[in-house]
Amino acid sequence: MNVQKENLVIALSDAGFSQEAIEKAERLWEAGRARDLIRHLRLCRCELMDILHESQKRVDRVDTLIRQTEKTMETK
């Protein structure tokens, strides 16, 4: 396997992408379809960002609960 392609596969795997997404990236790489590969990687990035934003919302909710609980306990 080409070192650059192997690095691509490892990076996508480390980022938690599905085997399907990784195989698609491999096929695009092998076909020399750089624009399509970049588009695919950008879509993968968008998926990660969506997950990040949803996780941030959950953290914010927990932070709110912590502050509310602290205020409630302080007044007792």
Protein backbone atom coordinates (compact mmCIF):
# COMPACT_ATOMS: atom_id res chain seq x y z
CA MET A 1 0.00 0.00 0.00
CA ASN A 2 1.22 3.49 -0.85
CA VAL A 3 2.47 5.31 2.27
CA GLN A 4 0.31 8.37 1.60
CA LYS A 5 -2.79 6.25 1.06
CA GLU A 6 -1.96 4.25 4.18
CA ASN A 7 -1.67 7.50 6.16
CA LEU A 8 -5.05 8.59 4.79
CA VAL A 9 -6.64 5.31 5.88
CA ILE A 10 -5.03 5.48 9.33
CA ALA A 11 -6.11 9.11 9.84
CA LEU A 12 -9.72 8.40 8.87
CA SER A 13 -9.76 5.31 11.04
CA ASP A 14 -8.30 7.25 13.99
CA ALA A 15 -10.97 9.90 13.45
CA GLY A 16 -13.61 7.19 13.90
CA PHE A 17 -15.00 7.03 10.38
CA SER A 18 -16.91 4.03 9.13
CA GLN A 19 -15.27 1.38 7.02
CA GLU A 20 -17.52 2.53 4.17
CA ALA A 21 -16.19 6.11 4.34
CA ILE A 22 -12.62 4.86 4.53
CA GLU A 23 -13.08 2.54 1.55
CA LYS A 24 -14.62 5.36 -0.47
CA ALA A 25 -11.61 7.55 0.26
CA GLU A 26 -9.30 4.71 -0.77
CA ARG A 27 -11.16 4.23 -4.07
CA LEU A 28 -11.03 7.94 -4.84
CA TRP A 29 -7.32 8.02 -4.02
CA GLU A 30 -6.60 5.00 -6.21
CA ALA A 31 -8.60 6.52 -9.08
CA GLY A 32 -6.63 9.75 -8.81
CA ARG A 33 -9.84 11.72 -8.28
CA ALA A 34 -8.36 14.44 -6.08
CA ARG A 35 -11.32 16.82 -6.29
CA ASP A 36 -13.77 14.10 -5.34
CA LEU A 37 -11.50 12.93 -2.52
CA ILE A 38 -11.26 16.48 -1.16
CA ARG A 39 -15.05 16.81 -1.38
CA HIS A 40 -15.44 13.50 0.47
CA LEU A 41 -12.97 14.59 3.16
CA ARG A 42 -14.82 17.89 3.57
CA LEU A 43 -18.07 16.00 4.04
CA CYS A 44 -16.36 13.81 6.61
CA ARG A 45 -15.14 16.95 8.36
CA CYS A 46 -18.67 18.37 8.38
CA GLU A 47 -19.92 15.20 10.03
CA LEU A 48 -17.28 15.56 12.73
CA MET A 49 -18.20 19.21 13.26
CA ASP A 50 -21.87 18.27 13.65
CA ILE A 51 -20.90 15.74 16.30
CA LEU A 52 -18.69 18.32 18.01
CA HIS A 53 -21.47 20.91 18.09
CA GLU A 54 -23.98 18.42 19.47
CA SER A 55 -21.50 17.39 22.15
CA GLN A 56 -20.92 21.03 23.03
CA LYS A 57 -24.67 21.54 23.45
CA ARG A 58 -24.81 18.59 25.85
CA VAL A 59 -21.86 19.95 27.83
CA ASP A 60 -23.56 23.35 28.03
CA ARG A 61 -26.72 21.70 29.38
CA VAL A 62 -24.74 19.92 32.07
CA ASP A 63 -22.93 23.17 32.96
CA THR A 64 -26.33 24.83 33.36
CA LEU A 65 -27.49 22.02 35.65
CA ILE A 66 -24.33 22.36 37.72
CA ARG A 67 -24.83 26.13 38.13
CA GLN A 68 -28.50 25.69 38.99
CA THR A 69 -27.71 22.97 41.52
CA GLU A 70 -24.96 25.07 43.11
CA LYS A 71 -27.37 28.03 43.47
CA THR A 72 -30.07 25.80 44.90
CA MET A 73 -27.70 24.23 47.42
CA GLU A 74 -26.27 27.61 48.47
CA THR A 75 -29.72 28.90 49.42
CA LYS A 76 -30.47 25.91 51.67
